[in-house]
Every structure is written in C-alpha cells, then in structure tokens.
Amino acid sequence: MAEAVFRAPKRKRRVYESCESPLPIPFGQDCGPKQDFKVFTAELINNNVIVRDAEDMEQLYGRGYFGKGILSRSRPNFTISDPKLIAKWKDMKTDMPIITSKKYQHHVEWAAELMRGQGQEESTVQTTLQDYTKPLEHPGIKRKEVQRHDENSETTSKMEVTTDREEPSVMNGDSEKSVGMDDPCKPSGSLQQGPGPDPFAPNGMGEPVAEVAKPQHHPLPRVPCGKEGVLLPLPDTQPGDGSQPTGPLCASERVPGDEYVLVEEDVYDESEKECAPSEELAPKRRLVCRRNPYRILEYLQLSLEEAFFLVYALGCLSIYYEKEPLTILKLWKAFTAVQPTFRTTYMAYHYFRSKGWVPKVGLKYGTDLLLYRKGPPFYHASYSVIIELVDDNFEGSLRRPFSWRSLAALSRVSVNVSKELMLCYLIKPSTMTNKEMESPECMKQIKVQEVILSRWVSSRERSDQDEL
C-alpha cells in the first residue's frame, strides 16, 4: 500500500476577515480570567439547535466557525439594507438599516396580512399599523456636514445630522428646530438630498416646532415564535436610548437590530413652488426613522455534531428544550433519536476538531464531512471524509456500502474540486455492547484509522517510470 502524501491546503485568494482566537477550553478554576469563558445559550426547536442572541452568534461563528446563518451563506450577517443606499448615504455614521420606501411598504403590507390572519378587524389593523409606523426621532448619529450632489438637479446642498437629544432631528419626519427662517427659498441644514426649508408646523403658519412629542403607540398582537417574519410587541422606547422593551419579545429577551430602520422617502417642497410656479418640482430625498413592523430575524443554526461538541468537549453551550436545560446524556440520546448515525459522525467530528481541523457538513460533495484548515474564510476544504464504524476485524454494517463504480465516481468528484477523498474508520472493540454506546464515554475505547483514496492514472505512472 502506497503511503499517503500530505498536501498543503489551498489558500483562498481574497480574505476579508482576520482569524480570531478560538474558544477557550476550561481545565479548572485556575484556567484563566473569568471574562474569557462564557456559556452560550441555544434552543432545540424542531430537531434543530438554534442560537438567537446576536452576541452569542458572533462569538460562536467568529471563534471557531461553528454553525451557519439561516439567511446567509455562512457568517450570520444578513441585513435588509439596500447596498446602493448604503453607498449613497455612506457619510452618515449609523448602524441602522437603510431601505427604500417601496421595501418598507412591503413590510407594512406583510404585517397587515399577518394581523388579518390572526382574526384582527380591518379598522384595528389600520389603526395599529398607522400608530406603529409613525416617524420617530433618532439622535444616535454623529454630527457631520457633508456635500452631496442632487441627482435630479445640478445644485449641491449641505446636510447636517444632529446628535443632541434636546434638538429633535429632521429624521422624525414631522418637525425640527429652526435654524433660520428669514428666506423660505433658502436651503437649510436638514438631513435631506437637495435644498429645502425646515418643515413647518401642522397649523400651516410657518412657525418652527421647537419640541417633538413622542407619539402614542399601541402594542401589536403577539405572534407565535418559529416564523421568519414576526410582529413583536411594541416597547415604549425611542431608538438609541439604550433602554429595554417593557413587554416580552417573541424571538428572545432583546431588541433586534432591525427594529428601527431608516427609510429613504421623496419630499416635495411647496415653498419652492411659490418661488418658481411655472417649473415642475423635483422631489428631494431624505431619511426618516420608522419602526419596522415585519422583521426577518437571522439565527445561527448549529449542526448536531457542533452543538454536542460545544456542550461536551468545550462546556461553553447550554441547550434548552421548552425552557428546560438538557444534560449531556439526554442530548446524546435525543440527537441519536433524531439522527440515527449521530454517534458515528460525532466521533469523527470530535476527532478531527481535536486535531485542529474545522469540520463542516460535506453533503454538497456527497461525503459526510469537509475538513478546513483554520476555517472556511481562509482555505478551501482539503479533505472530503467518508465515516464508517467497524469492529476489530473491519467488519460491521456499513453506512454507505460502495461499489467500485460509485467509489470511482466519488473519487472523481473530489479530485475535480481539488480535494482528497478520505475514508475514516472508527474501530470499536468487538466486545462493546449497544448499552455502552448509549453514553459518550464509549469514545474512550474507539480507535481511528484514516485512509486516503487516490485515483491511479496509468499514463502518469508510465511517465514517472520513464523518468526513473
């Protein structure tokens, strides 16, 4: 048998992130500072392990690349922001999503349909949504003056964003403090694209409004969890004030990042029409802060092997089912009931993780695992792994019995994607019973043998002999 030759992993050309330190492994009370070790929280929902907390999601993925965002390709960084609007308003220092008015209307319509499906009357639906989507003030933006070119005209106006809570911003969509009202046609320092005066009071007398009262809100009806789009109970808070919602949230006890959005809306200035009545008014665009009635929340989904490794090997994850924490033995039995091959796949996962590899599901290449060095953002997968559990005599019921044709086909697929096909044999003692396999302690008696399968090419072998 030819000896397998280790090949260096193929590094990706473009890497947009840095490698963080992995999760710490506790070895006792004197293992290090307490702040370096944190126990994360997950839930077992519909046979899936879900992490909801945003900080936990970032830590688990960034420090070990555990799990996958359900709305993202890998890292849970889904956002409803429009990329074009982000580039357009890049001078604004805000972390809030920026969306178009059309997209926001879609969210309002989805929320209305959801409320109607709950049996709400039409008048209640319209009143609730009208109250919920009122413009709000958002003071959490740095003060900065920038120059922006108007798309609909050749004029350039100044924009000013205020941070003082005592001075309501024009982002409330209704009113703001007046800076100068001598000339109604003179551009003002407002957060809008294109020149325009300060908004007038509702009485139409042209008097600037000095203070903005918080609108009265009615809480939205609760929606059962488990849906991507959810209507959450309305907290009596303003964006950026740092307070917590008064009512319980459906997703978790936190305020989601997409609860408040900046909506780009077109505004027509009636005062300019008086100055130039014969010309058509070009709409100006400004950002208005509103509540998002229909939110699509991003979760981190852990595979069963990843979840059990975090609980059993690292001890940094606690999994709950119906608000009750599950013990290691209960998880071992529950995961085995959900996935009959869980014991076999986890043993291999535990083995490769302990050797420094980052195993991921290899379903798209027809294998059980894919092995990455450091993580998927830095290197392509080096090995495609097939896992089998056998006894001392390499006998047993194979999970995937291969024929020569199917094995050659799988080998060709692996070669075409620049990976090596590895057969991982988990060797258990012939005397081990099924009862002993009902506990993760059985892994102490398991041995592992790796076999790298390579395709023999006659022409390549013949040329190598000629060189000798």
Protein backbone atom coordinates (compact mmCIF):
# COMPACT_ATOMS: atom_id res chain seq x y z
CA MET A 1 0.00 0.00 0.00
CA ALA A 2 1.41 3.37 -1.00
CA GLU A 3 1.98 5.90 1.75
CA ALA A 4 -0.29 8.93 1.66
CA VAL A 5 1.43 12.25 1.00
CA PHE A 6 0.15 15.29 2.87
CA ARG A 7 -0.70 18.19 0.58
CA ALA A 8 -0.72 21.77 1.74
CA PRO A 9 -4.20 23.33 1.93
CA LYS A 10 -5.21 25.60 -0.93
CA ARG A 11 -5.49 29.15 0.40
CA LYS A 12 -8.21 31.44 -0.87
CA ARG A 13 -7.17 34.44 -2.92
CA ARG A 14 -9.36 37.05 -1.27
CA VAL A 15 -9.69 37.01 2.51
CA TYR A 16 -11.81 39.76 4.05
CA GLU A 17 -11.54 38.91 7.74
CA SER A 18 -8.94 38.11 10.36
CA CYS A 19 -8.67 34.90 12.33
CA GLU A 20 -9.82 35.31 15.93
CA SER A 21 -8.58 33.27 18.84
CA PRO A 22 -10.60 30.06 19.32
CA LEU A 23 -12.96 29.42 22.19
CA PRO A 24 -11.09 28.66 25.44
CA ILE A 25 -11.13 25.17 26.91
CA PRO A 26 -11.69 25.13 30.71
CA PHE A 27 -9.24 22.94 32.62
CA GLY A 28 -10.32 24.01 36.10
CA GLN A 29 -10.90 27.07 38.23
CA ASP A 30 -7.39 28.40 37.62
CA CYS A 31 -7.60 28.17 33.82
CA GLY A 32 -7.53 31.93 33.30
CA PRO A 33 -9.55 35.13 33.62
CA LYS A 34 -13.24 34.56 34.12
CA GLN A 35 -14.17 37.01 31.39
CA ASP A 36 -12.51 34.79 28.77
CA PHE A 37 -15.02 31.98 29.34
CA LYS A 38 -18.71 32.37 28.65
CA VAL A 39 -21.56 29.88 28.49
CA PHE A 40 -23.71 30.47 25.42
CA THR A 41 -27.39 29.61 25.12
CA ALA A 42 -29.21 27.67 22.39
CA GLU A 43 -32.63 26.12 21.90
CA LEU A 44 -33.73 22.78 20.47
CA ILE A 45 -36.56 23.63 18.06
CA ASN A 46 -37.97 21.15 15.55
CA ASN A 47 -34.91 18.91 15.90
CA ASN A 48 -32.62 21.88 15.16
CA VAL A 49 -30.25 23.69 17.52
CA ILE A 50 -30.78 27.44 17.15
CA VAL A 51 -28.81 30.32 18.69
CA ARG A 52 -30.79 33.57 18.83
CA ASP A 53 -28.66 36.04 20.76
CA ALA A 54 -26.70 38.30 18.40
CA GLU A 55 -23.59 38.40 20.59
CA ASP A 56 -23.58 34.63 21.02
CA MET A 57 -23.95 34.16 17.27
CA GLU A 58 -20.96 36.36 16.54
CA GLN A 59 -18.80 34.71 19.18
CA LEU A 60 -19.61 31.14 18.16
CA TYR A 61 -19.00 31.73 14.48
CA GLY A 62 -16.06 34.09 14.82
CA ARG A 63 -14.17 31.94 17.34
CA GLY A 64 -14.31 28.53 15.74
CA TYR A 65 -16.72 28.89 12.81
CA PHE A 66 -19.47 26.93 14.49
CA GLY A 67 -22.84 26.90 12.75
CA LYS A 68 -24.30 28.79 9.82
CA GLY A 69 -26.64 31.74 9.46
CA ILE A 70 -30.04 30.60 8.22
CA LEU A 71 -30.33 33.62 5.89
CA SER A 72 -26.65 33.93 4.97
CA ARG A 73 -24.16 31.76 3.14
CA SER A 74 -22.07 31.15 6.24
CA ARG A 75 -21.41 34.02 8.67
CA PRO A 76 -24.70 35.31 10.12
CA ASN A 77 -24.51 38.83 8.70
CA PHE A 78 -27.88 39.12 6.94
CA THR A 79 -29.23 42.64 6.65
CA ILE A 80 -32.26 44.21 4.97
CA SER A 81 -30.26 47.30 3.98
CA ASP A 82 -30.10 48.24 0.32
CA PRO A 83 -26.42 48.20 -0.79
CA LYS A 84 -26.99 51.14 -3.13
CA LEU A 85 -28.46 53.23 -0.34
CA ILE A 86 -25.62 52.33 1.99
CA ALA A 87 -23.15 53.60 -0.60
CA LYS A 88 -25.27 56.68 -1.25
CA TRP A 89 -25.53 57.65 2.43
CA LYS A 90 -22.08 56.45 3.41
CA ASP A 91 -21.27 59.77 5.08
CA MET A 92 -23.82 59.02 7.78
CA LYS A 93 -22.41 57.30 10.84
CA THR A 94 -25.22 54.90 11.71
CA ASP A 95 -25.64 51.16 12.17
CA MET A 96 -29.35 51.22 11.37
CA PRO A 97 -30.62 49.51 8.20
CA ILE A 98 -31.37 51.83 5.28
CA ILE A 99 -34.15 50.71 2.93
CA THR A 100 -36.29 52.20 0.19
CA SER A 101 -39.81 53.43 0.74
CA LYS A 102 -41.16 50.69 -1.54
CA LYS A 103 -39.49 47.97 0.53
CA TYR A 104 -40.83 49.47 3.73
CA GLN A 105 -44.35 49.45 2.28
CA HIS A 106 -43.90 45.74 1.54
CA HIS A 107 -43.08 45.15 5.20
CA VAL A 108 -46.20 47.08 6.26
CA GLU A 109 -48.34 45.02 3.88
CA TRP A 110 -46.86 41.75 5.19
CA ALA A 111 -47.58 42.86 8.76
CA ALA A 112 -51.17 43.73 7.82
CA GLU A 113 -51.70 40.31 6.21
CA LEU A 114 -50.31 38.60 9.28
CA MET A 115 -52.62 40.52 11.59
CA ARG A 116 -55.63 39.77 9.39
CA GLY A 117 -54.69 36.10 9.52
CA GLN A 118 -54.92 36.32 13.31
CA GLY A 119 -58.53 37.47 13.06
CA GLN A 120 -57.96 41.19 13.68
CA GLU A 121 -60.55 43.60 12.33
CA GLU A 122 -59.54 45.81 9.43
CA SER A 123 -60.01 49.02 11.41
CA THR A 124 -57.81 47.66 14.19
CA VAL A 125 -55.15 46.62 11.69
CA GLN A 126 -55.00 50.02 10.03
CA THR A 127 -55.03 51.94 13.33
CA THR A 128 -52.33 49.77 14.86
CA LEU A 129 -50.02 49.96 11.86
CA GLN A 130 -50.57 53.69 11.44
CA ASP A 131 -49.59 54.24 15.07
CA TYR A 132 -46.70 51.79 14.88
CA THR A 133 -45.09 53.25 11.73
CA LYS A 134 -45.16 56.90 12.74
CA PRO A 135 -41.88 58.78 12.13
CA LEU A 136 -39.54 58.91 15.09
CA GLU A 137 -36.54 60.95 16.09
CA HIS A 138 -33.19 59.19 16.14
CA PRO A 139 -30.43 61.12 17.91
CA GLY A 140 -27.76 58.43 17.70
CA ILE A 141 -25.93 59.84 14.66
CA LYS A 142 -22.75 61.85 14.75
CA ARG A 143 -22.84 65.50 13.79
CA LYS A 144 -21.20 65.98 10.45
CA GLU A 145 -21.59 68.30 7.50
CA VAL A 146 -21.04 66.80 4.06
CA GLN A 147 -21.55 67.85 0.48
CA ARG A 148 -23.97 65.74 -1.58
CA HIS A 149 -24.86 66.22 -5.21
CA ASP A 150 -28.56 66.21 -6.04
CA GLU A 151 -29.45 63.52 -8.59
CA ASN A 152 -32.37 65.49 -10.05
CA SER A 153 -30.62 68.84 -10.37
CA GLU A 154 -27.19 70.38 -10.63
CA THR A 155 -27.38 72.07 -7.25
CA THR A 156 -25.37 70.87 -4.31
CA SER A 157 -26.65 71.24 -0.79
CA LYS A 158 -25.28 70.79 2.68
CA MET A 159 -26.62 68.16 5.03
CA GLU A 160 -26.30 68.29 8.77
CA VAL A 161 -27.12 65.47 11.15
CA THR A 162 -27.61 66.32 14.80
CA THR A 163 -26.93 64.18 17.84
CA ASP A 164 -28.39 66.27 20.64
CA ARG A 165 -31.41 64.67 22.21
CA GLU A 166 -32.77 68.10 23.12
CA GLU A 167 -32.73 69.11 19.45
CA PRO A 168 -35.09 66.82 17.52
CA SER A 169 -33.70 65.70 14.19
CA VAL A 170 -35.49 66.03 10.87
CA MET A 171 -35.40 62.25 10.81
CA ASN A 172 -38.61 62.30 12.81
CA GLY A 173 -40.25 63.20 9.52
CA ASP A 174 -42.56 65.79 11.13
CA SER A 175 -40.62 68.69 12.60
CA GLU A 176 -37.29 70.00 13.82
CA LYS A 177 -35.78 73.12 15.35
CA SER A 178 -35.48 76.03 13.00
CA VAL A 179 -32.04 77.38 12.26
CA GLY A 180 -33.08 80.30 10.11
CA MET A 181 -36.48 81.11 8.56
CA ASP A 182 -35.84 84.51 7.01
CA ASP A 183 -35.94 83.34 3.40
CA PRO A 184 -38.39 80.50 2.61
CA CYS A 185 -36.41 79.60 -0.52
CA LYS A 186 -33.06 79.41 1.26
CA PRO A 187 -31.61 75.92 1.76
CA SER A 188 -31.41 74.74 5.34
CA GLY A 189 -29.16 72.32 7.11
CA SER A 190 -31.53 69.34 7.10
CA LEU A 191 -30.94 65.67 6.52
CA GLN A 192 -32.31 65.50 3.01
CA GLN A 193 -30.99 65.32 -0.51
CA GLY A 194 -31.42 68.64 -2.21
CA PRO A 195 -32.19 72.12 -0.81
CA GLY A 196 -35.32 72.82 1.13
CA PRO A 197 -36.61 74.76 4.15
CA ASP A 198 -37.30 73.35 7.56
CA PRO A 199 -40.62 71.55 7.94
CA PHE A 200 -43.49 73.72 9.06
CA ALA A 201 -45.86 73.16 11.93
CA PRO A 202 -49.12 71.33 11.22
CA ASN A 203 -51.12 74.57 11.50
CA GLY A 204 -49.51 75.78 8.27
CA MET A 205 -48.46 79.15 9.76
CA GLY A 206 -44.81 78.56 9.05
CA GLU A 207 -43.75 78.56 12.70
CA PRO A 208 -40.97 76.13 13.52
CA VAL A 209 -41.71 73.45 16.07
CA ALA A 210 -39.27 73.50 18.98
CA GLU A 211 -40.15 70.18 20.58
CA VAL A 212 -41.38 66.86 19.32
CA ALA A 213 -43.71 64.84 21.49
CA LYS A 214 -43.41 61.09 21.44
CA PRO A 215 -46.33 59.56 19.56
CA GLN A 216 -48.70 57.32 21.45
CA HIS A 217 -48.30 53.69 20.42
CA HIS A 218 -50.46 50.65 20.83
CA PRO A 219 -48.78 47.30 21.29
CA LEU A 220 -49.03 44.92 18.39
CA PRO A 221 -50.56 41.50 18.98
CA ARG A 222 -48.07 38.73 19.67
CA VAL A 223 -47.28 36.12 17.08
CA PRO A 224 -46.17 32.57 17.92
CA CYS A 225 -42.43 32.06 17.52
CA GLY A 226 -40.96 29.96 14.74
CA LYS A 227 -41.68 32.29 11.82
CA GLU A 228 -39.12 34.26 9.90
CA GLY A 229 -41.29 37.37 9.79
CA VAL A 230 -42.66 38.29 13.18
CA LEU A 231 -44.55 41.18 14.67
CA LEU A 232 -43.08 41.96 18.06
CA PRO A 233 -44.81 43.74 20.96
CA LEU A 234 -44.07 47.43 20.84
CA PRO A 235 -41.65 48.69 23.52
CA ASP A 236 -42.13 52.18 24.92
CA THR A 237 -38.66 53.24 23.88
CA GLN A 238 -37.04 55.51 21.36
CA PRO A 239 -34.25 54.27 19.10
CA GLY A 240 -30.84 54.77 20.52
CA ASP A 241 -31.89 55.48 24.11
CA GLY A 242 -30.38 52.22 25.38
CA SER A 243 -33.48 51.15 27.30
CA GLN A 244 -35.04 47.71 27.14
CA PRO A 245 -38.56 46.90 25.92
CA THR A 246 -41.27 46.62 28.51
CA GLY A 247 -43.05 43.61 27.01
CA PRO A 248 -41.57 40.21 26.22
CA LEU A 249 -40.18 39.73 22.74
CA CYS A 250 -41.12 36.70 20.68
CA ALA A 251 -37.63 35.99 19.38
CA SER A 252 -35.76 36.48 22.65
CA GLU A 253 -35.34 38.92 25.52
CA ARG A 254 -33.58 41.52 23.41
CA VAL A 255 -34.29 44.29 20.94
CA PRO A 256 -33.50 43.09 17.39
CA GLY A 257 -31.18 45.19 15.29
CA ASP A 258 -33.81 45.72 12.59
CA GLU A 259 -36.49 47.09 14.91
CA TYR A 260 -35.79 50.62 13.65
CA VAL A 261 -34.99 51.41 10.04
CA LEU A 262 -34.12 54.49 8.03
CA VAL A 263 -36.47 54.87 5.07
CA GLU A 264 -35.49 56.98 2.07
CA GLU A 265 -38.57 58.98 1.11
CA ASP A 266 -39.30 61.61 -1.56
CA VAL A 267 -40.32 65.03 -0.27
CA TYR A 268 -41.79 67.87 -2.34
CA ASP A 269 -41.17 71.39 -1.07
CA GLU A 270 -44.24 73.58 -1.53
CA SER A 271 -42.29 76.76 -0.73
CA GLU A 272 -40.20 76.35 -3.89
CA LYS A 273 -43.35 76.24 -5.95
CA GLU A 274 -44.19 79.76 -4.78
CA CYS A 275 -40.74 80.94 -5.89
CA ALA A 276 -40.93 79.24 -9.31
CA PRO A 277 -44.58 78.30 -10.00
CA SER A 278 -44.01 77.55 -13.70
CA GLU A 279 -41.39 74.88 -13.08
CA GLU A 280 -42.06 71.34 -12.03
CA LEU A 281 -40.83 70.48 -8.57
CA ALA A 282 -38.15 67.85 -8.33
CA PRO A 283 -38.51 65.55 -5.33
CA LYS A 284 -35.89 65.70 -2.63
CA ARG A 285 -34.92 62.60 -0.71
CA ARG A 286 -34.37 62.31 2.99
CA LEU A 287 -34.10 59.55 5.56
CA VAL A 288 -36.95 59.06 8.00
CA CYS A 289 -36.61 56.86 11.08
CA ARG A 290 -39.51 54.44 11.49
CA ARG A 291 -40.27 51.21 13.29
CA ASN A 292 -40.13 48.06 11.22
CA PRO A 293 -43.45 46.19 11.67
CA TYR A 294 -42.30 42.99 9.96
CA ARG A 295 -38.83 41.79 10.83
CA ILE A 296 -36.87 38.92 9.30
CA LEU A 297 -34.54 37.71 12.04
CA GLU A 298 -31.23 35.95 11.45
CA TYR A 299 -30.43 32.90 13.58
CA LEU A 300 -27.35 30.73 13.85
CA GLN A 301 -28.12 27.07 13.19
CA LEU A 302 -25.71 24.53 14.67
CA SER A 303 -25.39 21.00 13.37
CA LEU A 304 -25.98 18.29 15.95
CA GLU A 305 -22.27 17.45 15.98
CA GLU A 306 -21.26 21.09 16.50
CA ALA A 307 -23.81 21.59 19.27
CA PHE A 308 -22.76 18.46 21.17
CA PHE A 309 -19.06 19.34 20.82
CA LEU A 310 -19.69 22.76 22.37
CA VAL A 311 -21.60 21.15 25.24
CA TYR A 312 -19.49 18.04 25.84
CA ALA A 313 -15.95 18.97 24.81
CA LEU A 314 -15.79 22.73 25.47
CA GLY A 315 -18.55 23.10 28.04
CA CYS A 316 -19.46 26.55 26.72
CA LEU A 317 -23.01 25.90 25.47
CA SER A 318 -26.26 25.20 27.28
CA ILE A 319 -29.12 23.81 25.17
CA TYR A 320 -32.71 24.29 26.30
CA TYR A 321 -35.86 22.45 25.29
CA GLU A 322 -39.11 24.12 26.36
CA LYS A 323 -37.14 26.31 28.81
CA GLU A 324 -35.51 23.30 30.45
CA PRO A 325 -31.74 22.71 30.11
CA LEU A 326 -30.73 19.33 28.70
CA THR A 327 -27.97 17.25 30.23
CA ILE A 328 -25.18 15.68 28.20
CA LEU A 329 -26.72 12.21 28.44
CA LYS A 330 -30.15 13.50 27.36
CA LEU A 331 -28.60 15.29 24.41
CA TRP A 332 -26.70 12.15 23.38
CA LYS A 333 -29.93 10.15 23.36
CA ALA A 334 -32.04 12.90 21.79
CA PHE A 335 -29.59 13.54 18.94
CA THR A 336 -29.32 9.80 18.30
CA ALA A 337 -33.10 9.58 18.04
CA VAL A 338 -33.18 12.50 15.60
CA GLN A 339 -30.22 11.29 13.52
CA PRO A 340 -29.54 7.53 13.80
CA THR A 341 -25.95 7.96 12.55
CA PHE A 342 -25.19 10.73 15.05
CA ARG A 343 -22.88 8.64 17.24
CA THR A 344 -20.68 7.70 14.31
CA THR A 345 -20.50 11.17 12.77
CA TYR A 346 -19.88 12.85 16.12
CA MET A 347 -16.95 10.59 16.99
CA ALA A 348 -15.27 11.56 13.73
CA TYR A 349 -16.17 15.22 14.25
CA HIS A 350 -14.69 15.18 17.75
CA TYR A 351 -11.52 13.50 16.47
CA PHE A 352 -10.85 16.00 13.67
CA ARG A 353 -11.77 19.03 15.79
CA SER A 354 -9.31 17.87 18.42
CA LYS A 355 -6.61 17.80 15.75
CA GLY A 356 -7.23 21.44 14.80
CA TRP A 357 -9.38 20.98 11.70
CA VAL A 358 -12.70 22.75 11.20
CA PRO A 359 -15.16 20.07 10.05
CA LYS A 360 -18.24 21.08 8.09
CA VAL A 361 -21.06 19.09 6.50
CA GLY A 362 -19.93 17.62 3.18
CA LEU A 363 -23.36 16.90 1.72
CA LYS A 364 -22.82 19.05 -1.38
CA TYR A 365 -19.88 16.85 -2.40
CA GLY A 366 -21.52 13.55 -1.48
CA THR A 367 -19.48 12.96 1.69
CA ASP A 368 -20.02 13.19 5.44
CA LEU A 369 -17.52 15.90 6.36
CA LEU A 370 -15.28 18.54 4.80
CA LEU A 371 -12.07 19.45 6.62
CA TYR A 372 -10.86 23.07 6.59
CA ARG A 373 -7.65 24.49 7.94
CA LYS A 374 -8.33 27.48 10.24
CA GLY A 375 -11.79 27.97 8.74
CA PRO A 376 -13.80 28.31 5.51
CA PRO A 377 -12.96 32.03 5.02
CA PHE A 378 -9.22 31.31 4.70
CA TYR A 379 -8.74 27.96 2.97
CA HIS A 380 -10.64 25.67 0.68
CA ALA A 381 -11.56 22.30 2.14
CA SER A 382 -8.62 19.89 1.97
CA TYR A 383 -10.39 16.56 2.50
CA SER A 384 -13.78 15.01 1.82
CA VAL A 385 -14.40 12.42 4.52
CA ILE A 386 -16.48 9.23 4.50
CA ILE A 387 -17.08 7.82 8.01
CA GLU A 388 -17.61 4.15 8.85
CA LEU A 389 -17.93 2.36 12.21
CA VAL A 390 -16.36 -1.12 12.22
CA ASP A 391 -15.08 -3.66 14.73
CA ASP A 392 -11.57 -5.01 15.26
CA ASN A 393 -11.85 -7.17 12.11
CA PHE A 394 -13.07 -4.23 9.97
CA GLU A 395 -16.48 -5.82 9.82
CA GLY A 396 -19.87 -4.35 10.54
CA SER A 397 -22.94 -2.88 8.93
CA LEU A 398 -21.55 -0.16 6.66
CA ARG A 399 -23.41 3.12 6.50
CA ARG A 400 -22.56 3.58 2.83
CA PRO A 401 -21.62 0.36 1.05
CA PHE A 402 -19.75 1.38 -2.11
CA SER A 403 -19.41 -0.41 -5.39
CA TRP A 404 -16.30 0.15 -7.48
CA ARG A 405 -18.26 2.36 -9.83
CA SER A 406 -19.76 4.58 -7.10
CA LEU A 407 -16.40 4.83 -5.32
CA ALA A 408 -14.65 5.85 -8.57
CA ALA A 409 -17.36 8.45 -9.23
CA LEU A 410 -16.98 9.93 -5.74
CA SER A 411 -13.21 9.99 -6.14
CA ARG A 412 -13.52 11.82 -9.46
CA VAL A 413 -15.84 14.42 -7.90
CA SER A 414 -13.38 15.05 -5.07
CA VAL A 415 -10.46 15.45 -7.48
CA ASN A 416 -12.40 17.88 -9.67
CA VAL A 417 -12.98 20.18 -6.68
CA SER A 418 -9.34 19.95 -5.56
CA LYS A 419 -9.97 17.77 -2.53
CA GLU A 420 -8.69 14.41 -1.40
CA LEU A 421 -11.08 11.62 -0.54
CA MET A 422 -10.50 10.19 2.94
CA LEU A 423 -12.05 7.07 4.45
CA CYS A 424 -12.24 7.41 8.24
CA TYR A 425 -12.71 4.11 10.05
CA LEU A 426 -13.85 4.22 13.67
CA ILE A 427 -12.74 0.95 15.22
CA LYS A 428 -14.65 -0.18 18.28
CA PRO A 429 -13.85 -3.29 20.39
CA SER A 430 -15.73 -6.40 19.39
CA THR A 431 -16.88 -6.77 22.99
CA MET A 432 -18.55 -3.34 23.12
CA THR A 433 -22.32 -3.63 23.54
CA ASN A 434 -25.07 -1.31 22.40
CA LYS A 435 -25.72 -0.32 26.00
CA GLU A 436 -22.19 1.03 26.28
CA MET A 437 -22.81 3.09 23.15
CA GLU A 438 -25.66 4.91 24.90
CA SER A 439 -23.16 7.17 26.66
CA PRO A 440 -20.50 9.44 25.15
CA GLU A 441 -17.96 7.76 27.42
CA CYS A 442 -17.76 4.98 24.81
CA MET A 443 -15.48 7.24 22.75
CA LYS A 444 -12.60 6.42 25.10
CA GLN A 445 -12.45 2.92 23.62
CA ILE A 446 -12.66 3.97 19.97
CA LYS A 447 -9.64 3.93 17.67
CA VAL A 448 -9.39 5.83 14.40
CA GLN A 449 -7.71 4.87 11.14
CA GLU A 450 -7.55 7.21 8.16
CA VAL A 451 -7.17 6.02 4.58
CA ILE A 452 -6.65 8.48 1.73
CA LEU A 453 -8.02 7.17 -1.54
CA SER A 454 -6.35 8.37 -4.74
CA ARG A 455 -7.11 7.51 -8.35
CA TRP A 456 -4.42 5.64 -10.25
CA VAL A 457 -3.70 7.15 -13.69
CA SER A 458 -1.82 4.79 -15.99
CA SER A 459 -0.31 7.49 -18.20
CA ARG A 460 1.01 9.41 -15.21
CA GLU A 461 2.50 6.21 -13.71
CA ARG A 462 4.16 5.32 -17.03
CA SER A 463 5.75 8.80 -17.38
CA ASP A 464 7.09 8.60 -13.83
CA GLN A 465 8.78 5.28 -14.58
CA ASP A 466 10.33 6.67 -17.75
CA GLU A 467 11.93 9.50 -15.77
CA LEU A 468 13.50 6.95 -13.41
